[in-house]
N, C-alpha and C. Protein backbone atom coordinates (compact mmCIF):
# COMPACT_ATOMS: atom_id res chain seq x y z
N MET A 1 29.11 -17.90 -22.70
CA MET A 1 28.01 -17.37 -22.53
C MET A 1 27.00 -18.37 -21.93
N ALA A 2 26.95 -19.58 -22.43
CA ALA A 2 26.02 -20.33 -22.32
C ALA A 2 25.75 -20.85 -20.66
N GLU A 3 27.22 -21.06 -19.93
CA GLU A 3 27.26 -20.89 -18.86
C GLU A 3 26.90 -20.04 -17.74
N SER A 4 26.84 -18.76 -18.43
CA SER A 4 26.38 -17.55 -17.41
C SER A 4 24.88 -17.55 -17.89
N ARG A 5 24.03 -17.91 -18.67
CA ARG A 5 22.66 -17.85 -18.97
C ARG A 5 22.25 -19.15 -18.27
N LYS A 6 22.94 -20.50 -18.10
CA LYS A 6 22.45 -21.31 -17.08
C LYS A 6 22.27 -20.99 -15.97
N ILE A 7 23.22 -19.99 -15.19
CA ILE A 7 23.53 -19.95 -13.84
C ILE A 7 21.94 -18.44 -13.74
N GLY A 8 22.04 -18.28 -14.63
CA GLY A 8 21.00 -16.57 -14.52
C GLY A 8 21.28 -15.59 -14.50
N GLY A 9 22.67 -15.34 -14.76
CA GLY A 9 23.32 -13.96 -14.56
C GLY A 9 24.85 -13.99 -14.96
N GLN A 10 25.22 -12.80 -15.05
CA GLN A 10 26.77 -12.70 -15.02
C GLN A 10 26.78 -11.71 -13.72
N ARG A 11 28.38 -11.64 -13.27
CA ARG A 11 28.46 -10.88 -11.84
C ARG A 11 29.73 -9.63 -12.16
N PRO A 12 29.49 -8.84 -12.99
CA PRO A 12 30.15 -7.82 -13.31
C PRO A 12 30.46 -6.71 -12.08
N VAL A 13 31.12 -5.53 -11.93
CA VAL A 13 30.94 -5.00 -10.87
C VAL A 13 30.21 -3.42 -10.95
N GLY A 14 29.64 -3.60 -9.60
CA GLY A 14 28.89 -2.79 -9.10
C GLY A 14 27.63 -2.30 -9.96
N ALA A 15 27.34 -0.88 -10.52
CA ALA A 15 25.97 -0.89 -11.00
C ALA A 15 26.08 -1.35 -12.40
N VAL A 16 27.01 -1.71 -12.99
CA VAL A 16 27.11 -2.01 -14.37
C VAL A 16 25.88 -3.27 -14.49
N ARG A 17 25.89 -4.01 -13.24
CA ARG A 17 24.73 -4.93 -13.22
C ARG A 17 23.47 -4.55 -13.35
N GLY A 18 23.17 -3.39 -13.08
CA GLY A 18 21.93 -3.06 -13.18
C GLY A 18 21.16 -2.62 -11.65
N TYR A 19 20.49 -1.62 -11.42
CA TYR A 19 19.79 -1.74 -10.38
C TYR A 19 18.52 -0.70 -10.21
N CYS A 20 17.72 -0.68 -9.14
CA CYS A 20 16.58 -0.35 -9.36
C CYS A 20 16.62 0.66 -7.98
N HIS A 21 15.81 1.96 -8.28
CA HIS A 21 15.88 2.82 -7.18
C HIS A 21 14.33 3.43 -6.79
N ASN A 22 13.94 3.40 -5.42
CA ASN A 22 12.76 3.34 -5.31
C ASN A 22 12.42 4.78 -4.98
N LEU A 23 11.87 5.58 -5.74
CA LEU A 23 11.84 7.00 -5.70
C LEU A 23 11.06 7.69 -4.48
N LEU A 24 9.88 6.54 -4.02
CA LEU A 24 9.19 7.20 -2.68
C LEU A 24 10.14 6.93 -1.64
N LEU A 25 10.87 6.28 -1.33
CA LEU A 25 11.96 6.04 -0.06
C LEU A 25 12.92 7.01 -0.41
N ASP A 26 13.09 7.28 -1.31
CA ASP A 26 14.25 8.69 -1.72
C ASP A 26 13.52 9.72 -1.11
N GLU A 27 12.27 10.01 -1.25
CA GLU A 27 11.56 11.19 -0.81
C GLU A 27 11.76 10.92 0.73
N THR A 28 11.14 9.90 1.81
CA THR A 28 11.23 9.84 3.05
C THR A 28 12.58 9.94 3.69
N GLY A 29 13.79 9.53 2.88
CA GLY A 29 14.88 9.74 3.37
C GLY A 29 14.86 8.72 4.96
N ASN A 30 14.14 7.79 4.90
CA ASN A 30 14.35 6.96 6.19
C ASN A 30 15.87 6.13 5.93
N PRO A 31 16.94 6.29 6.92
CA PRO A 31 18.24 5.63 6.77
C PRO A 31 18.04 3.95 7.08
N ASP A 32 16.72 3.57 7.92
CA ASP A 32 16.82 2.09 7.77
C ASP A 32 16.10 1.79 6.58
N MET A 33 15.70 2.16 5.62
CA MET A 33 15.37 1.58 4.23
C MET A 33 15.82 2.33 3.03
N PRO A 34 17.23 1.79 2.95
CA PRO A 34 17.72 2.13 1.51
C PRO A 34 16.73 2.30 0.28
N SER A 35 17.10 3.24 -0.43
CA SER A 35 16.17 3.51 -1.21
C SER A 35 16.74 2.89 -2.70
N MET A 36 17.86 2.32 -2.89
CA MET A 36 18.05 1.89 -4.05
C MET A 36 18.94 0.32 -3.87
N ILE A 37 18.69 -0.85 -4.68
CA ILE A 37 19.59 -1.85 -4.66
C ILE A 37 20.48 -2.09 -5.89
N VAL A 38 21.66 -2.67 -5.87
CA VAL A 38 22.20 -3.19 -6.83
C VAL A 38 21.99 -4.53 -7.25
N PHE A 39 21.81 -4.80 -8.46
CA PHE A 39 21.41 -6.45 -8.61
C PHE A 39 22.59 -7.10 -8.48
N PRO A 40 22.43 -8.17 -7.46
CA PRO A 40 23.32 -8.95 -7.39
C PRO A 40 24.23 -9.68 -8.54
N PHE A 41 23.70 -9.91 -9.56
CA PHE A 41 23.86 -10.49 -10.92
C PHE A 41 23.02 -9.76 -11.90
N ARG A 42 23.88 -9.63 -13.09
CA ARG A 42 23.67 -8.89 -14.33
C ARG A 42 22.75 -9.94 -14.64
N PRO A 43 21.18 -9.42 -15.19
CA PRO A 43 20.30 -10.31 -15.77
C PRO A 43 20.75 -10.31 -17.46
N THR A 44 20.54 -11.91 -17.72
CA THR A 44 20.85 -12.18 -19.10
C THR A 44 19.88 -12.33 -20.24
N LEU A 45 18.92 -12.61 -19.56
CA LEU A 45 17.60 -13.14 -20.66
C LEU A 45 16.55 -11.73 -19.98
N VAL A 46 16.58 -10.57 -20.96
CA VAL A 46 15.45 -9.48 -20.55
C VAL A 46 14.97 -9.54 -21.76
N THR A 47 13.67 -9.25 -21.66
CA THR A 47 12.55 -9.21 -22.77
C THR A 47 11.71 -7.58 -22.51
N THR A 48 11.54 -6.77 -23.53
CA THR A 48 10.90 -5.53 -23.38
C THR A 48 9.71 -5.95 -24.43
N ASP A 49 8.62 -5.25 -23.92
CA ASP A 49 7.24 -5.40 -24.82
C ASP A 49 6.87 -3.84 -24.79
N THR A 50 6.40 -3.47 -26.20
CA THR A 50 5.70 -2.39 -26.20
C THR A 50 4.87 -2.39 -27.59
N SER A 51 3.26 -2.24 -27.57
CA SER A 51 2.47 -2.25 -28.73
C SER A 51 1.71 -0.71 -28.70
N VAL A 52 1.03 -1.06 -30.07
CA VAL A 52 -0.03 0.16 -29.80
C VAL A 52 -1.47 -0.30 -30.03
N SER A 53 -2.04 0.67 -29.52
CA SER A 53 -3.44 0.32 -29.30
C SER A 53 -4.31 1.32 -30.50
N ASP A 54 -5.09 0.54 -31.19
CA ASP A 54 -5.97 1.46 -32.15
C ASP A 54 -7.39 1.05 -32.42
N ASP A 55 -8.23 1.80 -32.93
CA ASP A 55 -9.62 1.04 -33.42
C ASP A 55 -9.66 1.07 -34.74
N SER A 56 -10.50 0.07 -35.05
CA SER A 56 -10.75 -0.21 -36.44
C SER A 56 -12.23 0.44 -36.81
N MET A 57 -11.97 1.36 -38.01
CA MET A 57 -13.19 2.39 -38.52
C MET A 57 -13.50 1.46 -39.90
N ASP A 58 -14.96 1.14 -40.05
CA ASP A 58 -15.44 0.24 -40.91
C ASP A 58 -16.07 1.37 -41.65
N VAL A 59 -15.89 1.41 -42.98
CA VAL A 59 -16.16 2.62 -44.34
C VAL A 59 -16.91 1.53 -45.18
N MET A 60 -18.11 1.87 -45.44
CA MET A 60 -19.07 1.17 -46.30
C MET A 60 -18.70 0.99 -47.67
N GLY A 61 -18.59 -0.10 -48.35
CA GLY A 61 -17.92 0.07 -49.88
C GLY A 61 -16.27 -0.43 -49.87
N MET A 62 -15.78 -0.05 -48.76
CA MET A 62 -14.30 -0.04 -48.84
C MET A 62 -13.72 -1.65 -48.84
N SER A 63 -12.73 -1.99 -49.07
CA SER A 63 -11.95 -3.33 -49.05
C SER A 63 -11.49 -3.54 -47.88
N HIS A 64 -11.34 -2.66 -47.26
CA HIS A 64 -10.61 -2.83 -45.89
C HIS A 64 -10.94 -1.80 -44.83
N GLN A 65 -10.68 -2.05 -43.45
CA GLN A 65 -10.68 -1.10 -42.25
C GLN A 65 -9.80 0.07 -42.32
N TYR A 66 -10.22 1.20 -41.95
CA TYR A 66 -9.18 2.26 -41.11
C TYR A 66 -8.69 2.04 -40.06
N LYS A 67 -7.75 2.33 -39.56
CA LYS A 67 -7.03 2.05 -38.44
C LYS A 67 -6.82 3.62 -38.04
N THR A 68 -7.49 3.94 -36.50
CA THR A 68 -7.21 5.13 -35.93
C THR A 68 -6.57 4.92 -34.71
N TYR A 69 -5.17 5.64 -34.47
CA TYR A 69 -4.35 5.32 -33.62
C TYR A 69 -4.70 6.22 -32.14
N LYS A 70 -5.06 5.38 -31.10
CA LYS A 70 -5.51 5.58 -29.59
C LYS A 70 -4.14 5.98 -28.83
N ASN A 71 -3.39 4.88 -28.74
CA ASN A 71 -2.38 5.07 -28.02
C ASN A 71 -1.03 4.15 -28.29
N THR A 72 0.27 4.23 -27.44
CA THR A 72 1.09 3.20 -27.30
C THR A 72 1.04 2.78 -25.75
N THR A 73 1.07 1.39 -25.81
CA THR A 73 1.01 0.91 -24.51
C THR A 73 2.42 1.17 -23.81
N ASN A 74 2.25 1.20 -22.73
CA ASN A 74 3.44 1.28 -21.53
C ASN A 74 4.52 0.22 -21.78
N THR A 75 5.48 0.60 -21.69
CA THR A 75 6.71 -0.36 -22.26
C THR A 75 6.99 -1.53 -20.81
N ARG A 76 6.74 -2.62 -21.23
CA ARG A 76 7.00 -3.88 -20.11
C ARG A 76 8.67 -4.25 -20.34
N VAL A 77 9.16 -4.74 -19.32
CA VAL A 77 10.47 -5.25 -19.01
C VAL A 77 10.73 -6.22 -18.05
N ALA A 78 10.71 -7.55 -18.41
CA ALA A 78 10.58 -8.49 -17.67
C ALA A 78 12.09 -9.48 -17.75
N PHE A 79 12.51 -9.71 -16.27
CA PHE A 79 13.73 -10.77 -16.73
C PHE A 79 13.59 -11.60 -14.98
N ASP A 80 14.52 -12.21 -14.86
CA ASP A 80 14.80 -13.30 -13.73
C ASP A 80 16.08 -12.23 -13.10
N LEU A 81 15.95 -12.09 -11.96
CA LEU A 81 16.92 -12.03 -10.89
C LEU A 81 17.49 -13.03 -10.40
N TYR A 82 18.92 -13.60 -10.46
CA TYR A 82 19.63 -14.42 -9.63
C TYR A 82 20.14 -14.38 -8.70
N MET A 83 20.13 -15.17 -7.62
CA MET A 83 20.79 -15.16 -6.34
C MET A 83 21.58 -16.24 -6.01
N ASN A 84 22.93 -16.31 -5.75
CA ASN A 84 23.25 -17.54 -5.30
C ASN A 84 24.40 -17.35 -4.20
N ALA A 85 24.04 -17.57 -2.74
CA ALA A 85 24.80 -17.11 -1.59
C ALA A 85 26.05 -17.65 -1.57
N LEU A 86 26.46 -18.87 -1.95
CA LEU A 86 27.77 -19.25 -2.25
C LEU A 86 28.83 -18.60 -3.27
N MET A 87 28.13 -18.10 -4.47
CA MET A 87 28.86 -17.44 -5.57
C MET A 87 29.00 -16.24 -5.11
N MET A 88 27.94 -15.71 -4.17
CA MET A 88 28.33 -14.15 -3.79
C MET A 88 29.29 -14.07 -2.48
N MET A 89 29.31 -15.27 -1.74
CA MET A 89 29.99 -15.35 -0.74
C MET A 89 31.66 -15.60 -1.19
N LYS A 90 31.88 -15.81 -2.16
CA LYS A 90 33.73 -15.87 -2.65
C LYS A 90 33.75 -14.27 -2.89
N GLU A 91 33.01 -13.48 -3.08
CA GLU A 91 33.36 -11.91 -2.91
C GLU A 91 33.21 -11.51 -1.86
N GLY A 92 33.00 -11.60 -0.65
CA GLY A 92 33.40 -11.52 0.37
C GLY A 92 34.49 -11.05 1.37
N GLU A 93 34.64 -10.16 1.83
CA GLU A 93 36.11 -9.75 2.34
C GLU A 93 35.99 -9.35 4.06
N GLY A 94 37.24 -10.04 4.69
CA GLY A 94 37.06 -10.20 5.97
C GLY A 94 36.15 -10.91 6.83
N GLY A 95 36.59 -11.17 8.12
CA GLY A 95 35.45 -12.10 8.76
C GLY A 95 35.77 -13.50 8.24
N THR A 96 35.11 -14.40 9.13
CA THR A 96 35.27 -15.61 9.04
C THR A 96 34.25 -16.24 7.90
N GLY A 97 34.26 -17.46 7.43
CA GLY A 97 33.25 -17.93 6.78
C GLY A 97 31.75 -17.78 6.96
N ASN A 98 31.70 -18.21 8.34
CA ASN A 98 30.47 -18.07 8.77
C ASN A 98 29.86 -16.69 8.88
N ASP A 99 30.81 -15.85 9.48
CA ASP A 99 30.04 -14.19 9.15
C ASP A 99 29.79 -14.01 7.99
N ILE A 100 30.48 -14.44 7.07
CA ILE A 100 30.30 -13.63 5.57
C ILE A 100 29.15 -14.42 4.81
N LEU A 101 28.79 -15.63 5.23
CA LEU A 101 27.52 -16.55 4.83
C LEU A 101 26.50 -15.71 5.63
N GLU A 102 26.37 -15.29 6.84
CA GLU A 102 25.38 -14.72 7.43
C GLU A 102 24.74 -13.19 6.86
N GLN A 103 26.14 -12.52 6.56
CA GLN A 103 25.96 -11.37 5.86
C GLN A 103 25.07 -11.49 4.70
N ILE A 104 25.50 -12.59 3.83
CA ILE A 104 24.92 -12.73 2.44
C ILE A 104 23.63 -13.34 2.37
N LYS A 105 23.38 -14.06 3.69
CA LYS A 105 21.98 -14.31 3.70
C LYS A 105 21.06 -13.34 4.01
N SER A 106 21.48 -12.45 4.98
CA SER A 106 20.78 -11.11 5.15
C SER A 106 20.59 -10.29 3.94
N GLU A 107 21.67 -9.96 3.13
CA GLU A 107 21.69 -9.43 2.02
C GLU A 107 20.55 -9.99 1.28
N MET A 108 20.38 -11.14 0.75
CA MET A 108 19.55 -11.84 0.06
C MET A 108 17.92 -11.62 0.37
N GLN A 109 18.02 -11.35 1.98
CA GLN A 109 16.53 -11.12 2.52
C GLN A 109 16.22 -9.84 2.17
N LYS A 110 17.38 -8.72 2.27
CA LYS A 110 16.86 -7.39 2.08
C LYS A 110 16.26 -7.05 0.53
N TYR A 111 17.26 -8.05 -0.54
CA TYR A 111 16.83 -7.75 -1.65
C TYR A 111 15.12 -8.12 -1.90
N ARG A 112 14.90 -9.29 -1.33
CA ARG A 112 13.55 -9.91 -1.45
C ARG A 112 12.68 -8.77 -1.14
N ARG A 113 12.68 -8.05 0.16
CA ARG A 113 11.91 -7.31 0.88
C ARG A 113 11.94 -6.51 -0.04
N PHE A 114 13.14 -5.20 -0.46
CA PHE A 114 12.94 -4.45 -1.31
C PHE A 114 12.01 -4.77 -2.60
N LEU A 115 12.40 -5.46 -3.13
CA LEU A 115 11.35 -6.04 -4.36
C LEU A 115 9.82 -5.97 -3.77
N GLN A 116 9.32 -6.74 -2.77
CA GLN A 116 8.16 -7.06 -2.36
C GLN A 116 7.52 -5.87 -1.98
N ALA A 117 8.44 -4.77 -1.62
CA ALA A 117 7.60 -3.56 -0.96
C ALA A 117 7.47 -2.78 -2.17
N LEU A 118 7.89 -3.01 -3.36
CA LEU A 118 7.28 -2.23 -4.63
C LEU A 118 6.09 -2.44 -5.01
N LEU A 119 5.73 -3.82 -4.63
CA LEU A 119 4.21 -3.91 -4.79
C LEU A 119 2.90 -3.21 -3.83
N TYR A 120 3.40 -2.61 -2.93
CA TYR A 120 2.67 -1.92 -1.86
C TYR A 120 2.45 -0.77 -1.77
N PRO A 121 1.63 0.34 -1.10
CA PRO A 121 1.64 1.64 -0.91
C PRO A 121 1.85 1.90 0.28
N GLY A 122 2.81 3.24 -0.08
CA GLY A 122 3.63 3.61 1.37
C GLY A 122 2.72 4.73 2.08
N TYR A 123 3.20 4.83 3.27
CA TYR A 123 2.51 5.94 3.87
C TYR A 123 2.97 7.59 3.62
N ALA A 124 2.00 8.32 3.62
CA ALA A 124 2.07 9.57 3.41
C ALA A 124 2.92 10.07 4.64
N ALA A 125 2.99 11.25 4.68
CA ALA A 125 3.59 12.28 5.94
C ALA A 125 2.67 12.10 6.75
N SER A 126 1.38 12.36 6.74
CA SER A 126 0.32 12.26 7.84
C SER A 126 0.00 10.80 8.33
N GLY A 127 0.92 9.69 7.97
CA GLY A 127 0.20 8.42 8.52
C GLY A 127 -0.78 7.94 7.83
N ILE A 128 -1.29 8.60 6.45
CA ILE A 128 -2.40 8.01 5.64
C ILE A 128 -1.90 7.28 4.48
N ILE A 129 -2.38 6.08 4.29
CA ILE A 129 -1.79 5.22 3.05
C ILE A 129 -2.06 6.03 1.81
N THR A 130 -0.98 6.21 1.10
CA THR A 130 -1.36 6.76 -0.14
C THR A 130 -1.95 5.87 -1.16
N ALA A 131 -2.38 6.23 -2.49
CA ALA A 131 -3.38 5.52 -3.13
C ALA A 131 -2.29 4.65 -4.04
N GLN A 132 -1.46 4.82 -4.54
CA GLN A 132 -0.24 3.90 -5.29
C GLN A 132 0.78 3.47 -4.68
N GLN A 133 1.32 2.44 -5.57
CA GLN A 133 2.81 1.98 -4.96
C GLN A 133 3.62 2.84 -5.54
N PRO A 134 5.01 2.78 -5.11
CA PRO A 134 5.79 3.41 -5.33
C PRO A 134 6.33 3.43 -6.60
N PRO A 135 6.94 4.53 -7.62
CA PRO A 135 7.38 4.40 -8.82
C PRO A 135 8.92 4.30 -8.56
N CYS A 136 9.67 3.85 -9.37
CA CYS A 136 11.05 3.76 -9.33
C CYS A 136 11.77 3.83 -10.65
N ILE A 137 13.23 4.07 -10.49
CA ILE A 137 13.95 4.02 -11.67
C ILE A 137 14.47 2.81 -11.81
N LEU A 138 14.16 2.15 -12.89
CA LEU A 138 14.90 1.09 -13.33
C LEU A 138 16.10 1.09 -14.35
N VAL A 139 17.28 0.88 -13.99
CA VAL A 139 18.19 0.94 -14.74
C VAL A 139 19.17 -0.33 -15.25
N LEU A 140 19.05 -0.94 -16.45
CA LEU A 140 19.75 -1.93 -16.98
C LEU A 140 20.73 -1.22 -17.94
N PRO A 141 21.87 -1.32 -17.43
CA PRO A 141 22.87 -0.47 -18.81
C PRO A 141 23.07 -1.16 -20.04
N GLY A 142 22.65 -0.24 -21.10
CA GLY A 142 22.90 -0.45 -22.61
C GLY A 142 21.40 -1.13 -22.95
N ILE A 143 20.62 -1.42 -21.93
CA ILE A 143 18.97 -1.51 -22.54
C ILE A 143 18.02 -0.79 -22.13
N CYS A 144 18.04 -0.04 -20.62
CA CYS A 144 17.00 0.92 -20.49
C CYS A 144 17.63 1.77 -19.03
N THR A 145 16.81 2.91 -19.27
CA THR A 145 16.68 3.75 -18.02
C THR A 145 15.29 4.29 -17.95
N LEU A 146 14.69 3.91 -17.01
CA LEU A 146 13.24 4.08 -17.23
C LEU A 146 12.38 4.25 -16.05
N ARG A 147 11.56 5.07 -15.71
CA ARG A 147 10.56 5.12 -14.49
C ARG A 147 9.36 4.44 -14.54
N MET A 148 9.50 3.35 -13.60
CA MET A 148 8.67 2.11 -13.92
C MET A 148 7.63 1.84 -12.66
N LYS A 149 6.66 1.08 -12.70
CA LYS A 149 6.30 0.20 -11.42
C LYS A 149 6.49 -1.41 -11.54
N LEU A 150 6.31 -1.72 -10.54
CA LEU A 150 6.90 -3.28 -10.70
C LEU A 150 5.43 -3.69 -10.33
N LYS A 151 4.90 -4.74 -11.43
CA LYS A 151 3.79 -5.08 -11.57
C LYS A 151 3.81 -6.72 -11.26
N GLN A 152 4.53 -7.23 -11.40
CA GLN A 152 4.36 -8.58 -10.97
C GLN A 152 5.81 -9.19 -10.06
N LEU A 153 5.94 -10.04 -9.40
CA LEU A 153 6.96 -10.60 -8.67
C LEU A 153 6.78 -12.29 -8.77
N GLY A 154 7.80 -13.14 -9.00
CA GLY A 154 7.23 -14.30 -8.51
C GLY A 154 9.02 -14.71 -7.89
N GLU A 155 8.89 -15.79 -6.66
CA GLU A 155 10.00 -16.17 -6.39
C GLU A 155 10.53 -17.86 -6.40
N MET A 156 11.40 -18.30 -7.12
CA MET A 156 11.48 -19.58 -6.99
C MET A 156 13.08 -19.84 -6.00
N PHE A 157 12.92 -20.64 -4.89
CA PHE A 157 13.46 -21.21 -4.07
C PHE A 157 14.04 -22.38 -4.78
N GLU A 158 15.40 -22.19 -5.49
CA GLU A 158 15.73 -23.55 -6.05
C GLU A 158 16.84 -24.24 -5.25
N ALA A 159 17.33 -23.48 -3.94
CA ALA A 159 18.08 -24.62 -3.04
C ALA A 159 17.76 -23.68 -1.66
N VAL A 160 17.86 -24.33 -0.33
CA VAL A 160 18.00 -23.56 0.78
C VAL A 160 18.93 -24.12 1.81
N PHE A 161 19.33 -23.68 2.58
CA PHE A 161 20.11 -23.92 3.84
C PHE A 161 19.30 -24.89 4.71
N VAL A 162 20.14 -25.64 5.56
CA VAL A 162 19.45 -26.23 6.82
C VAL A 162 18.36 -25.49 7.82
N ASP A 163 18.87 -24.43 7.48
CA ASP A 163 18.06 -23.44 8.24
C ASP A 163 16.91 -22.63 7.44
N GLY A 164 16.53 -23.03 6.54
CA GLY A 164 15.49 -22.61 5.78
C GLY A 164 15.75 -21.38 4.73
N GLU A 165 17.19 -20.79 5.24
CA GLU A 165 17.26 -19.67 4.72
C GLU A 165 17.58 -19.80 2.81
N PRO A 166 17.50 -18.63 1.96
CA PRO A 166 17.41 -19.39 0.52
C PRO A 166 18.96 -19.47 0.27
N LYS A 167 19.40 -20.38 -0.11
CA LYS A 167 20.72 -20.68 -0.73
C LYS A 167 20.92 -20.18 -2.47
N GLU A 168 20.00 -20.71 -3.02
CA GLU A 168 19.87 -20.32 -4.56
C GLU A 168 18.33 -19.92 -4.73
N LEU A 169 18.18 -18.83 -5.33
CA LEU A 169 16.74 -18.10 -5.44
C LEU A 169 17.00 -17.31 -6.83
N ARG A 170 15.69 -17.36 -7.42
CA ARG A 170 15.85 -16.94 -8.84
C ARG A 170 14.45 -15.74 -8.83
N MET A 171 14.20 -14.64 -8.74
CA MET A 171 13.29 -13.87 -8.80
C MET A 171 12.66 -13.23 -10.08
N ARG A 172 11.47 -13.72 -10.38
CA ARG A 172 11.10 -13.21 -11.72
C ARG A 172 10.17 -11.95 -11.65
N VAL A 173 10.87 -10.92 -12.34
CA VAL A 173 10.13 -9.49 -11.99
C VAL A 173 9.54 -8.92 -13.38
N ALA A 174 8.43 -8.13 -13.53
CA ALA A 174 8.12 -7.57 -14.57
C ALA A 174 7.42 -6.35 -14.29
N PHE A 175 8.41 -5.22 -14.58
CA PHE A 175 8.14 -4.00 -14.67
C PHE A 175 7.23 -3.01 -15.74
N GLU A 176 6.40 -2.31 -15.47
CA GLU A 176 5.65 -1.35 -16.33
C GLU A 176 6.07 0.10 -16.53
N GLU A 177 6.29 0.57 -17.42
CA GLU A 177 6.91 2.39 -17.53
C GLU A 177 5.66 2.93 -17.00
N ALA A 178 5.86 3.91 -16.05
CA ALA A 178 5.14 4.98 -15.57
C ALA A 178 5.73 6.42 -15.91
N PRO A 179 5.44 6.67 -17.10
CA PRO A 179 6.05 8.01 -17.81
C PRO A 179 4.87 9.25 -17.05
N MET A 180 5.50 10.37 -16.88
CA MET A 180 4.78 11.28 -16.51
C MET A 180 4.88 12.54 -17.56
N ALA A 181 5.16 12.01 -18.70
CA ALA A 181 4.86 13.22 -20.04
C ALA A 181 4.80 12.32 -20.98
N ARG A 182 4.32 12.96 -22.24
CA ARG A 182 4.14 12.65 -23.33
C ARG A 182 5.41 12.21 -24.10
N VAL A 183 5.41 10.88 -24.71
CA VAL A 183 6.95 10.29 -25.56
C VAL A 183 6.63 10.69 -26.57
N SER A 184 7.24 10.94 -27.46
CA SER A 184 7.20 11.31 -28.73
C SER A 184 8.31 10.60 -29.74
N MET A 185 7.73 10.29 -31.08
CA MET A 185 8.50 9.67 -31.83
C MET A 185 9.91 10.10 -31.80
N GLU A 186 9.83 11.19 -32.00
CA GLU A 186 11.47 12.46 -32.15
C GLU A 186 12.31 11.64 -31.01
N GLU A 187 11.72 11.92 -29.70
CA GLU A 187 12.40 11.74 -28.73
C GLU A 187 12.85 10.14 -28.62
N VAL A 188 12.12 9.18 -29.13
CA VAL A 188 12.29 7.63 -29.15
C VAL A 188 13.40 7.63 -30.14
N MET A 189 13.60 8.19 -31.00
CA MET A 189 14.45 8.21 -32.16
C MET A 189 15.98 8.62 -31.33
N MET A 190 15.70 9.61 -30.92
CA MET A 190 16.92 10.07 -30.06
C MET A 190 17.48 9.48 -28.92
N ASN A 191 16.52 8.67 -28.20
CA ASN A 191 16.99 8.40 -26.54
C ASN A 191 16.67 7.01 -26.38
N GLY A 192 15.93 6.40 -27.63
CA GLY A 192 15.37 4.95 -27.16
C GLY A 192 14.71 4.76 -25.81
N MET A 193 15.16 3.53 -25.31
CA MET A 193 14.64 3.65 -23.82
C MET A 193 15.31 3.87 -22.67
N PHE A 194 16.01 5.02 -23.03
CA PHE A 194 16.65 5.59 -21.67
C PHE A 194 15.79 6.81 -21.73
N ARG A 195 14.95 7.03 -20.66
CA ARG A 195 14.27 8.37 -20.22
C ARG A 195 13.66 8.11 -18.99
N THR A 196 13.82 9.13 -18.18
CA THR A 196 13.12 9.25 -16.76
C THR A 196 12.54 10.33 -16.29
N TRP A 197 11.85 10.41 -15.65
CA TRP A 197 11.40 11.62 -14.85
C TRP A 197 11.43 11.56 -13.34
N GLY A 198 11.88 12.45 -12.77
CA GLY A 198 11.87 12.44 -11.02
C GLY A 198 13.33 11.76 -10.52
N GLN A 199 13.90 11.60 -11.24
CA GLN A 199 15.40 10.73 -10.68
C GLN A 199 16.18 11.75 -10.01
């Protein structure tokens, strides 16, 4: 376990690693822009953060303030996505070593562009830029399935090839839930952080 935390993730099969589904790209149906990526490694350190916002009410002569509930903040989920071209290359099939390596380099750049694009608005059918960034479904099996928006993205290039392409890359991401309906205590008791709209 310590070794997997050191490299930044585990490499289970397929969607068990977690995935992100861009709902706006899903609507446009552009075959040149896939609407989903499966994470190359399963994040091992995931943090979630939800808090309550309330107001304090002063009552004359009381020994304390009363709290009046305003709302619960949108859940935030943050983690590092780790990519290592040489480790990913070991799973490649067919072709020469150079062919597989070039394919992995291209795949890593696609991951980067997919996440970077989640920070920008898309085009409407008429060609006019819409007002908001695209929502997505973030799935981390056993942790959450939430309709979210990417709020922060940081890239750390830990090693590069001689041509400048990343060899080892860590992407720090922070998502914030973008619910489309009221979430109740009873729903959370039943489903926890496994709730989506628009999937």
